[in-house]
Amino acid sequence: MLVSAIATFQAINAQHRAGLAMMQSNNAMLSSIRNIGAGETNFNALHQQDVKNETNNVKAQLMYQMASAWKKHSEAQLKKEIKGLDYKA
C-alpha cells in the first residue's frame, strides 16, 4: 500500500514537472517572437529555434500523458490494495 501511495505521489510530481516544461517551452516560443528585430532577421536561426521549442513542447506533452497514465494506474492499484485490507486485525 505504501509503495502504491509513493508511486502516486511520484506520478503527480512527474505531471507537475511536465506541465512546467510545457510552460517554459511556450514562454521560449513567445520570447523568440517578441525579440524579432525589424532589421536583419536570421530566419534560418529563427526556424531552428522554433523547431527546437516545438520538439520540447511535444516531448513535455508526451511526458505529461505518460505521468497521467502512471498516476491513474497507481491510484487503481492503491484502491485495490485498500479494498483487500483487513480492518479487524
N, C-alpha and C. Protein backbone atom coordinates (compact mmCIF):
# COMPACT_ATOMS: atom_id res chain seq x y z
N MET A 1 0.83 -1.19 0.00
CA MET A 1 0.00 0.00 0.00
C MET A 1 0.88 1.26 0.00
N LEU A 2 1.93 1.22 0.79
CA LEU A 2 2.81 2.38 0.87
C LEU A 2 3.51 2.61 -0.47
N VAL A 3 3.88 1.53 -1.14
CA VAL A 3 4.56 1.65 -2.44
C VAL A 3 3.63 2.29 -3.46
N SER A 4 2.36 1.91 -3.45
CA SER A 4 1.39 2.49 -4.39
C SER A 4 1.17 3.97 -4.10
N ALA A 5 1.13 4.32 -2.82
CA ALA A 5 0.95 5.73 -2.46
C ALA A 5 2.16 6.56 -2.90
N ILE A 6 3.35 6.03 -2.70
CA ILE A 6 4.56 6.74 -3.13
C ILE A 6 4.58 6.87 -4.65
N ALA A 7 4.19 5.81 -5.35
CA ALA A 7 4.16 5.85 -6.81
C ALA A 7 3.16 6.90 -7.29
N THR A 8 2.03 7.02 -6.61
CA THR A 8 1.04 8.03 -6.97
C THR A 8 1.62 9.44 -6.80
N PHE A 9 2.30 9.68 -5.70
CA PHE A 9 2.90 10.99 -5.47
C PHE A 9 4.02 11.28 -6.48
N GLN A 10 4.78 10.25 -6.86
CA GLN A 10 5.82 10.45 -7.87
C GLN A 10 5.20 10.76 -9.23
N ALA A 11 4.07 10.13 -9.53
CA ALA A 11 3.38 10.41 -10.79
C ALA A 11 2.86 11.85 -10.81
N ILE A 12 2.32 12.31 -9.69
CA ILE A 12 1.85 13.69 -9.60
C ILE A 12 3.02 14.65 -9.78
N ASN A 13 4.15 14.33 -9.18
CA ASN A 13 5.35 15.14 -9.34
C ASN A 13 5.80 15.18 -10.80
N ALA A 14 5.73 14.04 -11.48
CA ALA A 14 6.10 13.98 -12.89
C ALA A 14 5.14 14.82 -13.74
N GLN A 15 3.86 14.81 -13.39
CA GLN A 15 2.88 15.63 -14.09
C GLN A 15 3.23 17.11 -13.94
N HIS A 16 3.57 17.52 -12.73
CA HIS A 16 3.90 18.92 -12.48
C HIS A 16 5.16 19.34 -13.23
N ARG A 17 6.17 18.45 -13.25
CA ARG A 17 7.40 18.76 -13.98
C ARG A 17 7.13 18.90 -15.48
N ALA A 18 6.28 18.02 -16.02
CA ALA A 18 5.95 18.10 -17.45
C ALA A 18 5.14 19.35 -17.75
N GLY A 19 4.24 19.72 -16.86
CA GLY A 19 3.47 20.96 -17.04
C GLY A 19 4.37 22.18 -17.02
N LEU A 20 5.34 22.18 -16.13
CA LEU A 20 6.30 23.28 -16.08
C LEU A 20 7.14 23.33 -17.35
N ALA A 21 7.54 22.17 -17.86
CA ALA A 21 8.31 22.13 -19.10
C ALA A 21 7.50 22.68 -20.27
N MET A 22 6.20 22.39 -20.29
CA MET A 22 5.34 22.93 -21.35
C MET A 22 5.26 24.45 -21.25
N MET A 23 5.11 24.96 -20.03
CA MET A 23 5.05 26.41 -19.85
C MET A 23 6.36 27.07 -20.27
N GLN A 24 7.48 26.47 -19.92
CA GLN A 24 8.78 27.03 -20.29
C GLN A 24 8.98 27.02 -21.81
N SER A 25 8.53 25.95 -22.45
CA SER A 25 8.65 25.87 -23.91
C SER A 25 7.79 26.93 -24.59
N ASN A 26 6.56 27.10 -24.11
CA ASN A 26 5.69 28.13 -24.68
C ASN A 26 6.25 29.52 -24.43
N ASN A 27 6.82 29.73 -23.26
CA ASN A 27 7.43 31.01 -22.94
C ASN A 27 8.62 31.29 -23.86
N ALA A 28 9.42 30.26 -24.15
CA ALA A 28 10.55 30.44 -25.06
C ALA A 28 10.06 30.78 -26.47
N MET A 29 8.95 30.16 -26.89
CA MET A 29 8.40 30.48 -28.21
C MET A 29 7.95 31.94 -28.27
N LEU A 30 7.26 32.39 -27.24
CA LEU A 30 6.79 33.77 -27.21
C LEU A 30 7.95 34.76 -27.12
N SER A 31 8.98 34.40 -26.39
CA SER A 31 10.15 35.27 -26.29
C SER A 31 10.85 35.42 -27.63
N SER A 32 10.95 34.32 -28.37
CA SER A 32 11.61 34.42 -29.67
C SER A 32 10.80 35.26 -30.63
N ILE A 33 9.49 35.21 -30.54
CA ILE A 33 8.64 36.05 -31.39
C ILE A 33 8.78 37.52 -30.98
N ARG A 34 8.81 37.74 -29.67
CA ARG A 34 8.89 39.12 -29.16
C ARG A 34 10.23 39.76 -29.51
N ASN A 35 11.29 38.96 -29.62
CA ASN A 35 12.62 39.50 -29.84
C ASN A 35 13.02 39.61 -31.31
N ILE A 36 12.08 39.37 -32.21
CA ILE A 36 12.39 39.51 -33.64
C ILE A 36 12.62 40.98 -33.95
N GLY A 37 13.74 41.25 -34.54
CA GLY A 37 14.06 42.61 -34.91
C GLY A 37 13.50 42.95 -36.28
N ALA A 38 13.25 44.23 -36.51
CA ALA A 38 12.72 44.66 -37.80
C ALA A 38 13.80 44.72 -38.87
N GLY A 39 15.04 44.75 -38.45
CA GLY A 39 16.14 44.90 -39.41
C GLY A 39 16.60 43.57 -39.96
N GLU A 40 17.78 43.16 -39.55
CA GLU A 40 18.40 41.95 -40.07
C GLU A 40 17.96 40.74 -39.25
N THR A 41 16.96 40.04 -39.74
CA THR A 41 16.45 38.86 -39.05
C THR A 41 16.98 37.61 -39.74
N ASN A 42 17.57 36.74 -38.95
CA ASN A 42 18.08 35.47 -39.47
C ASN A 42 16.95 34.44 -39.37
N PHE A 43 16.26 34.24 -40.48
CA PHE A 43 15.10 33.37 -40.47
C PHE A 43 15.48 31.90 -40.30
N ASN A 44 16.68 31.53 -40.71
CA ASN A 44 17.13 30.16 -40.52
C ASN A 44 17.30 29.85 -39.03
N ALA A 45 17.95 30.76 -38.32
CA ALA A 45 18.12 30.58 -36.88
C ALA A 45 16.77 30.61 -36.17
N LEU A 46 15.88 31.47 -36.62
CA LEU A 46 14.54 31.56 -36.04
C LEU A 46 13.78 30.25 -36.26
N HIS A 47 13.91 29.68 -37.44
CA HIS A 47 13.26 28.41 -37.74
C HIS A 47 13.83 27.29 -36.87
N GLN A 48 15.16 27.26 -36.73
CA GLN A 48 15.78 26.22 -35.89
C GLN A 48 15.32 26.33 -34.44
N GLN A 49 15.22 27.54 -33.94
CA GLN A 49 14.76 27.74 -32.57
C GLN A 49 13.30 27.33 -32.43
N ASP A 50 12.50 27.63 -33.44
CA ASP A 50 11.09 27.26 -33.41
C ASP A 50 10.93 25.74 -33.40
N VAL A 51 11.72 25.04 -34.22
CA VAL A 51 11.67 23.58 -34.26
C VAL A 51 12.09 23.00 -32.91
N LYS A 52 13.14 23.58 -32.31
CA LYS A 52 13.61 23.11 -31.01
C LYS A 52 12.54 23.31 -29.94
N ASN A 53 11.91 24.48 -29.94
CA ASN A 53 10.87 24.75 -28.95
C ASN A 53 9.67 23.83 -29.14
N GLU A 54 9.29 23.60 -30.38
CA GLU A 54 8.14 22.73 -30.65
C GLU A 54 8.45 21.28 -30.26
N THR A 55 9.68 20.84 -30.51
CA THR A 55 10.08 19.49 -30.11
C THR A 55 10.04 19.35 -28.59
N ASN A 56 10.54 20.36 -27.88
CA ASN A 56 10.49 20.33 -26.42
C ASN A 56 9.05 20.31 -25.92
N ASN A 57 8.18 21.06 -26.58
CA ASN A 57 6.78 21.11 -26.17
C ASN A 57 6.10 19.76 -26.38
N VAL A 58 6.35 19.13 -27.51
CA VAL A 58 5.75 17.82 -27.79
C VAL A 58 6.28 16.77 -26.80
N LYS A 59 7.57 16.85 -26.50
CA LYS A 59 8.16 15.92 -25.52
C LYS A 59 7.51 16.11 -24.15
N ALA A 60 7.30 17.35 -23.75
CA ALA A 60 6.67 17.62 -22.46
C ALA A 60 5.22 17.13 -22.44
N GLN A 61 4.51 17.28 -23.55
CA GLN A 61 3.14 16.78 -23.62
C GLN A 61 3.11 15.26 -23.50
N LEU A 62 4.04 14.58 -24.16
CA LEU A 62 4.13 13.13 -24.05
C LEU A 62 4.43 12.71 -22.62
N MET A 63 5.37 13.40 -21.99
CA MET A 63 5.71 13.08 -20.60
C MET A 63 4.50 13.29 -19.67
N TYR A 64 3.72 14.33 -19.95
CA TYR A 64 2.52 14.58 -19.14
C TYR A 64 1.51 13.46 -19.32
N GLN A 65 1.31 13.01 -20.55
CA GLN A 65 0.38 11.92 -20.79
C GLN A 65 0.84 10.63 -20.12
N MET A 66 2.15 10.36 -20.18
CA MET A 66 2.69 9.17 -19.52
C MET A 66 2.54 9.26 -18.00
N ALA A 67 2.78 10.43 -17.44
CA ALA A 67 2.63 10.62 -16.00
C ALA A 67 1.17 10.48 -15.59
N SER A 68 0.26 10.96 -16.43
CA SER A 68 -1.17 10.83 -16.13
C SER A 68 -1.59 9.36 -16.12
N ALA A 69 -1.09 8.59 -17.09
CA ALA A 69 -1.41 7.16 -17.12
C ALA A 69 -0.80 6.45 -15.92
N TRP A 70 0.41 6.84 -15.54
CA TRP A 70 1.07 6.25 -14.38
C TRP A 70 0.27 6.56 -13.11
N LYS A 71 -0.19 7.79 -12.98
CA LYS A 71 -0.99 8.19 -11.82
C LYS A 71 -2.29 7.40 -11.76
N LYS A 72 -2.95 7.26 -12.90
CA LYS A 72 -4.20 6.52 -12.95
C LYS A 72 -3.99 5.06 -12.54
N HIS A 73 -2.91 4.46 -13.03
CA HIS A 73 -2.60 3.08 -12.68
C HIS A 73 -2.27 2.95 -11.19
N SER A 74 -1.49 3.88 -10.66
CA SER A 74 -1.11 3.83 -9.25
C SER A 74 -2.31 4.01 -8.34
N GLU A 75 -3.22 4.91 -8.72
CA GLU A 75 -4.42 5.11 -7.91
C GLU A 75 -5.31 3.87 -7.94
N ALA A 76 -5.42 3.23 -9.08
CA ALA A 76 -6.22 2.00 -9.18
C ALA A 76 -5.59 0.89 -8.33
N GLN A 77 -4.26 0.79 -8.37
CA GLN A 77 -3.56 -0.21 -7.56
C GLN A 77 -3.76 0.08 -6.08
N LEU A 78 -3.72 1.34 -5.69
CA LEU A 78 -3.92 1.71 -4.28
C LEU A 78 -5.33 1.36 -3.82
N LYS A 79 -6.33 1.65 -4.65
CA LYS A 79 -7.70 1.31 -4.30
C LYS A 79 -7.87 -0.20 -4.16
N LYS A 80 -7.22 -0.95 -5.03
CA LYS A 80 -7.28 -2.40 -4.98
C LYS A 80 -6.67 -2.91 -3.69
N GLU A 81 -5.54 -2.32 -3.29
CA GLU A 81 -4.88 -2.74 -2.05
C GLU A 81 -5.68 -2.35 -0.82
N ILE A 82 -6.31 -1.17 -0.86
CA ILE A 82 -7.12 -0.74 0.28
C ILE A 82 -8.34 -1.63 0.44
N LYS A 83 -8.92 -2.04 -0.68
CA LYS A 83 -10.10 -2.90 -0.64
C LYS A 83 -9.77 -4.25 0.00
N GLY A 84 -8.55 -4.71 -0.16
CA GLY A 84 -8.14 -6.00 0.38
C GLY A 84 -7.65 -5.97 1.82
N LEU A 85 -7.65 -4.80 2.45
CA LEU A 85 -7.18 -4.71 3.83
C LEU A 85 -8.16 -5.34 4.80
N ASP A 86 -7.63 -5.92 5.86
CA ASP A 86 -8.46 -6.49 6.92
C ASP A 86 -8.42 -5.52 8.09
N TYR A 87 -9.52 -4.83 8.32
CA TYR A 87 -9.57 -3.80 9.37
C TYR A 87 -9.71 -4.38 10.76
N LYS A 88 -10.05 -5.65 10.88
CA LYS A 88 -10.25 -6.27 12.20
C LYS A 88 -8.95 -6.70 12.85
N ALA A 89 -7.88 -6.72 12.12
CA ALA A 89 -6.62 -7.19 12.66
C ALA A 89 -5.99 -6.21 13.61
